[in-house]
Amino acid sequence: MCLGEIGRVESVDADGRLSVRVGARLRDAAALIPGVVPTPGTWVLINSGIVLEELEPERARDALEIRHAWHLQEPMEVAS
């Protein structure tokens, strides 16, 4: 089983590739959701380099708190 990661989009290049901040790391990702290209600042769930879903800040905060409590992901600050 793979566990996705929650991160904040840092940048989007001309080809639609995303740079996503996950804790202290930057991950490359592709947005394959039809008609949706996340913008910088958007919270997303990624797995294997693919954006699976955009997240509202409240949902990202809750998920990050759970993941941090279980030592699954580094803590990140989520501004509303």
PDB file of N, CA and C in Angstrom:
ATOM      1  N   MET A   1       0.834  -1.175   0.000  1.00  0.00           N
ATOM      2  CA  MET A   1       0.000   0.000   0.000  1.00  0.00           C
ATOM      3  C   MET A   1       0.877   1.235   0.000  1.00  0.00           C
ATOM      4  N   CYS A   2       0.528   2.194  -0.823  1.00  0.00           N
ATOM      5  CA  CYS A   2       1.248   3.462  -0.873  1.00  0.00           C
ATOM      6  C   CYS A   2       0.447   4.513  -0.130  1.00  0.00           C
ATOM      7  N   LEU A   3       1.150   5.360   0.562  1.00  0.00           N
ATOM      8  CA  LEU A   3       0.510   6.445   1.278  1.00  0.00           C
ATOM      9  C   LEU A   3       0.854   7.750   0.578  1.00  0.00           C
ATOM     10  N   GLY A   4      -0.152   8.480   0.149  1.00  0.00           N
ATOM     11  CA  GLY A   4       0.089   9.757  -0.506  1.00  0.00           C
ATOM     12  C   GLY A   4       0.671  10.768   0.460  1.00  0.00           C
ATOM     13  N   GLU A   5       1.150  11.877  -0.090  1.00  0.00           N
ATOM     14  CA  GLU A   5       1.708  12.956   0.706  1.00  0.00           C
ATOM     15  C   GLU A   5       0.911  14.225   0.457  1.00  0.00           C
ATOM     16  N   ILE A   6       0.815  15.043   1.489  1.00  0.00           N
ATOM     17  CA  ILE A   6       0.113  16.310   1.381  1.00  0.00           C
ATOM     18  C   ILE A   6       1.147  17.420   1.281  1.00  0.00           C
ATOM     19  N   GLY A   7       0.953  18.301   0.304  1.00  0.00           N
ATOM     20  CA  GLY A   7       1.893  19.400   0.136  1.00  0.00           C
ATOM     21  C   GLY A   7       1.219  20.621  -0.457  1.00  0.00           C
ATOM     22  N   ARG A   8       1.995  21.700  -0.488  1.00  0.00           N
ATOM     23  CA  ARG A   8       1.507  22.973  -1.031  1.00  0.00           C
ATOM     24  C   ARG A   8       2.225  23.249  -2.340  1.00  0.00           C
ATOM     25  N   VAL A   9       1.475  23.587  -3.374  1.00  0.00           N
ATOM     26  CA  VAL A   9       2.052  23.883  -4.685  1.00  0.00           C
ATOM     27  C   VAL A   9       2.901  25.149  -4.569  1.00  0.00           C
ATOM     28  N   GLU A  10       4.163  25.027  -4.977  1.00  0.00           N
ATOM     29  CA  GLU A  10       5.081  26.170  -4.966  1.00  0.00           C
ATOM     30  C   GLU A  10       5.095  26.875  -6.313  1.00  0.00           C
ATOM     31  N   SER A  11       5.094  26.085  -7.391  1.00  0.00           N
ATOM     32  CA  SER A  11       5.143  26.686  -8.729  1.00  0.00           C
ATOM     33  C   SER A  11       4.575  25.713  -9.756  1.00  0.00           C
ATOM     34  N   VAL A  12       4.199  26.301 -10.894  1.00  0.00           N
ATOM     35  CA  VAL A  12       3.693  25.531 -12.027  1.00  0.00           C
ATOM     36  C   VAL A  12       4.457  26.007 -13.250  1.00  0.00           C
ATOM     37  N   ASP A  13       5.075  25.074 -14.001  1.00  0.00           N
ATOM     38  CA  ASP A  13       5.827  25.498 -15.180  1.00  0.00           C
ATOM     39  C   ASP A  13       4.925  25.549 -16.415  1.00  0.00           C
ATOM     40  N   ALA A  14       5.482  25.963 -17.534  1.00  0.00           N
ATOM     41  CA  ALA A  14       4.700  26.153 -18.769  1.00  0.00           C
ATOM     42  C   ALA A  14       4.053  24.860 -19.255  1.00  0.00           C
ATOM     43  N   ASP A  15       4.639  23.706 -18.913  1.00  0.00           N
ATOM     44  CA  ASP A  15       4.093  22.410 -19.331  1.00  0.00           C
ATOM     45  C   ASP A  15       3.084  21.845 -18.339  1.00  0.00           C
ATOM     46  N   GLY A  16       2.801  22.606 -17.262  1.00  0.00           N
ATOM     47  CA  GLY A  16       1.843  22.143 -16.273  1.00  0.00           C
ATOM     48  C   GLY A  16       2.428  21.265 -15.188  1.00  0.00           C
ATOM     49  N   ARG A  17       3.754  21.090 -15.183  1.00  0.00           N
ATOM     50  CA  ARG A  17       4.400  20.324 -14.106  1.00  0.00           C
ATOM     51  C   ARG A  17       4.432  21.183 -12.849  1.00  0.00           C
ATOM     52  N   LEU A  18       4.180  20.565 -11.722  1.00  0.00           N
ATOM     53  CA  LEU A  18       4.129  21.281 -10.452  1.00  0.00           C
ATOM     54  C   LEU A  18       5.355  20.997  -9.604  1.00  0.00           C
ATOM     55  N   SER A  19       5.732  21.974  -8.834  1.00  0.00           N
ATOM     56  CA  SER A  19       6.720  21.802  -7.782  1.00  0.00           C
ATOM     57  C   SER A  19       5.929  21.917  -6.481  1.00  0.00           C
ATOM     58  N   VAL A  20       5.924  20.839  -5.675  1.00  0.00           N
ATOM     59  CA  VAL A  20       5.086  20.766  -4.482  1.00  0.00           C
ATOM     60  C   VAL A  20       5.974  20.639  -3.249  1.00  0.00           C
ATOM     61  N   ARG A  21       5.768  21.530  -2.274  1.00  0.00           N
ATOM     62  CA  ARG A  21       6.503  21.488  -1.006  1.00  0.00           C
ATOM     63  C   ARG A  21       5.848  20.471  -0.094  1.00  0.00           C
ATOM     64  N   VAL A  22       6.619  19.438   0.272  1.00  0.00           N
ATOM     65  CA  VAL A  22       6.180  18.408   1.213  1.00  0.00           C
ATOM     66  C   VAL A  22       7.192  18.431   2.358  1.00  0.00           C
ATOM     67  N   GLY A  23       6.814  19.053   3.464  1.00  0.00           N
ATOM     68  CA  GLY A  23       7.768  19.244   4.553  1.00  0.00           C
ATOM     69  C   GLY A  23       8.910  20.120   4.076  1.00  0.00           C
ATOM     70  N   ALA A  24      10.140  19.639   4.243  1.00  0.00           N
ATOM     71  CA  ALA A  24      11.319  20.394   3.824  1.00  0.00           C
ATOM     72  C   ALA A  24      11.729  20.076   2.387  1.00  0.00           C
ATOM     73  N   ARG A  25      11.011  19.173   1.725  1.00  0.00           N
ATOM     74  CA  ARG A  25      11.395  18.736   0.381  1.00  0.00           C
ATOM     75  C   ARG A  25      10.477  19.326  -0.682  1.00  0.00           C
ATOM     76  N   LEU A  26      11.029  19.450  -1.886  1.00  0.00           N
ATOM     77  CA  LEU A  26      10.218  19.806  -3.047  1.00  0.00           C
ATOM     78  C   LEU A  26      10.044  18.558  -3.897  1.00  0.00           C
ATOM     79  N   ARG A  27       8.814  18.264  -4.271  1.00  0.00           N
ATOM     80  CA  ARG A  27       8.511  17.100  -5.104  1.00  0.00           C
ATOM     81  C   ARG A  27       7.976  17.594  -6.442  1.00  0.00           C
ATOM     82  N   ASP A  28       8.367  16.926  -7.516  1.00  0.00           N
ATOM     83  CA  ASP A  28       7.784  17.189  -8.825  1.00  0.00           C
ATOM     84  C   ASP A  28       6.498  16.389  -8.928  1.00  0.00           C
ATOM     85  N   ALA A  29       5.486  16.984  -9.532  1.00  0.00           N
ATOM     86  CA  ALA A  29       4.208  16.285  -9.678  1.00  0.00           C
ATOM     87  C   ALA A  29       3.526  16.730 -10.958  1.00  0.00           C
ATOM     88  N   ALA A  30       2.624  15.888 -11.426  1.00  0.00           N
ATOM     89  CA  ALA A  30       1.819  16.195 -12.608  1.00  0.00           C
ATOM     90  C   ALA A  30       0.357  16.262 -12.180  1.00  0.00           C
ATOM     91  N   ALA A  31      -0.338  17.275 -12.681  1.00  0.00           N
ATOM     92  CA  ALA A  31      -1.766  17.408 -12.406  1.00  0.00           C
ATOM     93  C   ALA A  31      -2.528  16.757 -13.551  1.00  0.00           C
ATOM     94  N   LEU A  32      -3.094  15.603 -13.302  1.00  0.00           N
ATOM     95  CA  LEU A  32      -3.804  14.864 -14.337  1.00  0.00           C
ATOM     96  C   LEU A  32      -5.313  14.890 -14.141  1.00  0.00           C
ATOM     97  N   ILE A  33      -5.791  15.781 -13.265  1.00  0.00           N
ATOM     98  CA  ILE A  33      -7.226  15.912 -13.046  1.00  0.00           C
ATOM     99  C   ILE A  33      -7.780  16.724 -14.213  1.00  0.00           C
ATOM    100  N   PRO A  34      -8.689  16.171 -14.997  1.00  0.00           N
ATOM    101  CA  PRO A  34      -9.205  16.893 -16.171  1.00  0.00           C
ATOM    102  C   PRO A  34      -9.739  18.277 -15.810  1.00  0.00           C
ATOM    103  N   GLY A  35      -9.246  19.285 -16.526  1.00  0.00           N
ATOM    104  CA  GLY A  35      -9.715  20.656 -16.345  1.00  0.00           C
ATOM    105  C   GLY A  35      -9.217  21.369 -15.111  1.00  0.00           C
ATOM    106  N   VAL A  36      -8.335  20.735 -14.333  1.00  0.00           N
ATOM    107  CA  VAL A  36      -7.845  21.347 -13.096  1.00  0.00           C
ATOM    108  C   VAL A  36      -6.319  21.433 -13.136  1.00  0.00           C
ATOM    109  N   VAL A  37      -5.817  22.663 -12.991  1.00  0.00           N
ATOM    110  CA  VAL A  37      -4.382  22.879 -12.818  1.00  0.00           C
ATOM    111  C   VAL A  37      -4.226  23.684 -11.542  1.00  0.00           C
ATOM    112  N   PRO A  38      -3.761  23.036 -10.455  1.00  0.00           N
ATOM    113  CA  PRO A  38      -3.610  23.754  -9.195  1.00  0.00           C
ATOM    114  C   PRO A  38      -2.675  24.955  -9.349  1.00  0.00           C
ATOM    115  N   THR A  39      -2.965  26.013  -8.627  1.00  0.00           N
ATOM    116  CA  THR A  39      -2.140  27.215  -8.655  1.00  0.00           C
ATOM    117  C   THR A  39      -1.238  27.247  -7.425  1.00  0.00           C
ATOM    118  N   PRO A  40      -0.160  28.046  -7.470  1.00  0.00           N
ATOM    119  CA  PRO A  40       0.706  28.155  -6.294  1.00  0.00           C
ATOM    120  C   PRO A  40      -0.106  28.524  -5.044  1.00  0.00           C
ATOM    121  N   GLY A  41       0.213  27.840  -3.958  1.00  0.00           N
ATOM    122  CA  GLY A  41      -0.490  28.050  -2.702  1.00  0.00           C
ATOM    123  C   GLY A  41      -1.587  27.037  -2.433  1.00  0.00           C
ATOM    124  N   THR A  42      -1.986  26.286  -3.469  1.00  0.00           N
ATOM    125  CA  THR A  42      -3.031  25.272  -3.322  1.00  0.00           C
ATOM    126  C   THR A  42      -2.456  24.047  -2.605  1.00  0.00           C
ATOM    127  N   TRP A  43      -3.239  23.474  -1.694  1.00  0.00           N
ATOM    128  CA  TRP A  43      -2.862  22.239  -1.019  1.00  0.00           C
ATOM    129  C   TRP A  43      -3.338  21.063  -1.854  1.00  0.00           C
ATOM    130  N   VAL A  44      -2.468  20.045  -2.010  1.00  0.00           N
ATOM    131  CA  VAL A  44      -2.797  18.892  -2.832  1.00  0.00           C
ATOM    132  C   VAL A  44      -2.360  17.602  -2.155  1.00  0.00           C
ATOM    133  N   LEU A  45      -2.999  16.521  -2.554  1.00  0.00           N
ATOM    134  CA  LEU A  45      -2.595  15.170  -2.175  1.00  0.00           C
ATOM    135  C   LEU A  45      -1.901  14.582  -3.386  1.00  0.00           C
ATOM    136  N   ILE A  46      -0.641  14.145  -3.212  1.00  0.00           N
ATOM    137  CA  ILE A  46       0.099  13.546  -4.320  1.00  0.00           C
ATOM    138  C   ILE A  46       0.508  12.123  -3.962  1.00  0.00           C
ATOM    139  N   ASN A  47       0.620  11.305  -4.987  1.00  0.00           N
ATOM    140  CA  ASN A  47       1.102   9.933  -4.827  1.00  0.00           C
ATOM    141  C   ASN A  47       1.829   9.551  -6.103  1.00  0.00           C
ATOM    142  N   SER A  48       3.035   9.079  -5.966  1.00  0.00           N
ATOM    143  CA  SER A  48       3.843   8.649  -7.110  1.00  0.00           C
ATOM    144  C   SER A  48       3.975   9.747  -8.160  1.00  0.00           C
ATOM    145  N   GLY A  49       4.070  11.001  -7.704  1.00  0.00           N
ATOM    146  CA  GLY A  49       4.266  12.108  -8.627  1.00  0.00           C
ATOM    147  C   GLY A  49       3.029  12.581  -9.351  1.00  0.00           C
ATOM    148  N   ILE A  50       1.865  12.152  -8.899  1.00  0.00           N
ATOM    149  CA  ILE A  50       0.611  12.549  -9.540  1.00  0.00           C
ATOM    150  C   ILE A  50      -0.295  13.218  -8.504  1.00  0.00           C
ATOM    151  N   VAL A  51      -0.854  14.362  -8.863  1.00  0.00           N
ATOM    152  CA  VAL A  51      -1.816  15.031  -7.991  1.00  0.00           C
ATOM    153  C   VAL A  51      -3.122  14.247  -8.055  1.00  0.00           C
ATOM    154  N   LEU A  52      -3.541  13.745  -6.906  1.00  0.00           N
ATOM    155  CA  LEU A  52      -4.789  12.986  -6.845  1.00  0.00           C
ATOM    156  C   LEU A  52      -5.983  13.874  -6.520  1.00  0.00           C
ATOM    157  N   GLU A  53      -5.712  14.964  -5.779  1.00  0.00           N
ATOM    158  CA  GLU A  53      -6.827  15.766  -5.299  1.00  0.00           C
ATOM    159  C   GLU A  53      -6.335  17.117  -4.793  1.00  0.00           C
ATOM    160  N   GLU A  54      -7.126  18.159  -5.005  1.00  0.00           N
ATOM    161  CA  GLU A  54      -6.899  19.449  -4.348  1.00  0.00           C
ATOM    162  C   GLU A  54      -7.574  19.396  -2.988  1.00  0.00           C
ATOM    163  N   LEU A  55      -6.967  20.041  -1.978  1.00  0.00           N
ATOM    164  CA  LEU A  55      -7.511  20.024  -0.622  1.00  0.00           C
ATOM    165  C   LEU A  55      -7.787  21.436  -0.136  1.00  0.00           C
ATOM    166  N   GLU A  56      -8.879  21.597   0.592  1.00  0.00           N
ATOM    167  CA  GLU A  56      -9.146  22.857   1.285  1.00  0.00           C
ATOM    168  C   GLU A  56      -8.129  22.969   2.426  1.00  0.00           C
ATOM    169  N   PRO A  57      -7.735  24.183   2.817  1.00  0.00           N
ATOM    170  CA  PRO A  57      -6.737  24.328   3.887  1.00  0.00           C
ATOM    171  C   PRO A  57      -7.115  23.610   5.184  1.00  0.00           C
ATOM    172  N   GLU A  58      -8.390  23.643   5.560  1.00  0.00           N
ATOM    173  CA  GLU A  58      -8.812  22.980   6.803  1.00  0.00           C
ATOM    174  C   GLU A  58      -8.587  21.473   6.722  1.00  0.00           C
ATOM    175  N   ARG A  59      -8.903  20.898   5.585  1.00  0.00           N
ATOM    176  CA  ARG A  59      -8.716  19.447   5.404  1.00  0.00           C
ATOM    177  C   ARG A  59      -7.231  19.098   5.384  1.00  0.00           C
ATOM    178  N   ALA A  60      -6.424  19.942   4.740  1.00  0.00           N
ATOM    179  CA  ALA A  60      -4.974  19.711   4.721  1.00  0.00           C
ATOM    180  C   ALA A  60      -4.414  19.770   6.138  1.00  0.00           C
ATOM    181  N   ARG A  61      -4.848  20.765   6.918  1.00  0.00           N
ATOM    182  CA  ARG A  61      -4.377  20.911   8.295  1.00  0.00           C
ATOM    183  C   ARG A  61      -4.719  19.668   9.121  1.00  0.00           C
ATOM    184  N   ASP A  62      -5.967  19.219   9.034  1.00  0.00           N
ATOM    185  CA  ASP A  62      -6.389  18.041   9.797  1.00  0.00           C
ATOM    186  C   ASP A  62      -5.582  16.807   9.407  1.00  0.00           C
ATOM    187  N   ALA A  63      -5.423  16.601   8.108  1.00  0.00           N
ATOM    188  CA  ALA A  63      -4.681  15.429   7.636  1.00  0.00           C
ATOM    189  C   ALA A  63      -3.222  15.491   8.051  1.00  0.00           C
ATOM    190  N   LEU A  64      -2.613  16.686   7.991  1.00  0.00           N
ATOM    191  CA  LEU A  64      -1.211  16.826   8.387  1.00  0.00           C
ATOM    192  C   LEU A  64      -1.034  16.572   9.883  1.00  0.00           C
ATOM    193  N   GLU A  65      -1.985  17.019  10.689  1.00  0.00           N
ATOM    194  CA  GLU A  65      -1.904  16.759  12.132  1.00  0.00           C
ATOM    195  C   GLU A  65      -1.928  15.264  12.420  1.00  0.00           C
ATOM    196  N   ILE A  66      -2.797  14.537  11.752  1.00  0.00           N
ATOM    197  CA  ILE A  66      -2.881  13.083  11.937  1.00  0.00           C
ATOM    198  C   ILE A  66      -1.595  12.415  11.468  1.00  0.00           C
ATOM    199  N   ARG A  67      -1.109  12.798  10.300  1.00  0.00           N
ATOM    200  CA  ARG A  67       0.109  12.189   9.757  1.00  0.00           C
ATOM    201  C   ARG A  67       1.312  12.480  10.635  1.00  0.00           C
ATOM    202  N   HIS A  68       1.383  13.692  11.184  1.00  0.00           N
ATOM    203  CA  HIS A  68       2.495  14.030  12.070  1.00  0.00           C
ATOM    204  C   HIS A  68       2.410  13.210  13.366  1.00  0.00           C
ATOM    205  N   ALA A  69       1.214  13.065  13.911  1.00  0.00           N
ATOM    206  CA  ALA A  69       1.040  12.290  15.145  1.00  0.00           C
ATOM    207  C   ALA A  69       1.480  10.839  14.962  1.00  0.00           C
ATOM    208  N   TRP A  70       1.296  10.312  13.761  1.00  0.00           N
ATOM    209  CA  TRP A  70       1.687   8.930  13.463  1.00  0.00           C
ATOM    210  C   TRP A  70       3.082   8.845  12.852  1.00  0.00           C
ATOM    211  N   HIS A  71       3.811   9.973  12.830  1.00  0.00           N
ATOM    212  CA  HIS A  71       5.176  10.031  12.287  1.00  0.00           C
ATOM    213  C   HIS A  71       5.228   9.618  10.813  1.00  0.00           C
ATOM    214  N   LEU A  72       4.202   9.991  10.066  1.00  0.00           N
ATOM    215  CA  LEU A  72       4.137   9.647   8.651  1.00  0.00           C
ATOM    216  C   LEU A  72       4.594  10.789   7.759  1.00  0.00           C
ATOM    217  N   GLN A  73       4.579  12.021   8.274  1.00  0.00           N
ATOM    218  CA  GLN A  73       4.969  13.176   7.475  1.00  0.00           C
ATOM    219  C   GLN A  73       5.424  14.288   8.410  1.00  0.00           C
ATOM    220  N   GLU A  74       6.372  15.090   7.931  1.00  0.00           N
ATOM    221  CA  GLU A  74       6.858  16.223   8.708  1.00  0.00           C
ATOM    222  C   GLU A  74       5.741  17.241   8.908  1.00  0.00           C
ATOM    223  N   PRO A  75       5.786  17.981  10.021  1.00  0.00           N
ATOM    224  CA  PRO A  75       4.757  19.008  10.213  1.00  0.00           C
ATOM    225  C   PRO A  75       4.929  20.145   9.210  1.00  0.00           C
ATOM    226  N   MET A  76       3.818  20.765   8.828  1.00  0.00           N
ATOM    227  CA  MET A  76       3.819  21.932   7.949  1.00  0.00           C
ATOM    228  C   MET A  76       2.808  22.925   8.481  1.00  0.00           C
ATOM    229  N   GLU A  77       3.092  24.200   8.307  1.00  0.00           N
ATOM    230  CA  GLU A  77       2.180  25.270   8.727  1.00  0.00           C
ATOM    231  C   GLU A  77       1.115  25.467   7.646  1.00  0.00           C
ATOM    232  N   VAL A  78      -0.144  25.447   8.038  1.00  0.00           N
ATOM    233  CA  VAL A  78      -1.248  25.669   7.110  1.00  0.00           C
ATOM    234  C   VAL A  78      -1.959  26.939   7.530  1.00  0.00           C
ATOM    235  N   ALA A  79      -1.865  27.972   6.688  1.00  0.00           N
ATOM    236  CA  ALA A  79      -2.586  29.221   6.957  1.00  0.00           C
ATOM    237  C   ALA A  79      -3.973  29.122   6.345  1.00  0.00           C
ATOM    238  N   SER A  80      -4.956  29.624   7.035  1.00  0.00           N
ATOM    239  CA  SER A  80      -6.338  29.570   6.528  1.00  0.00           C
ATOM    240  C   SER A  80      -6.534  30.525   5.380  1.00  0.00           C
TER     241      SER A  80
END
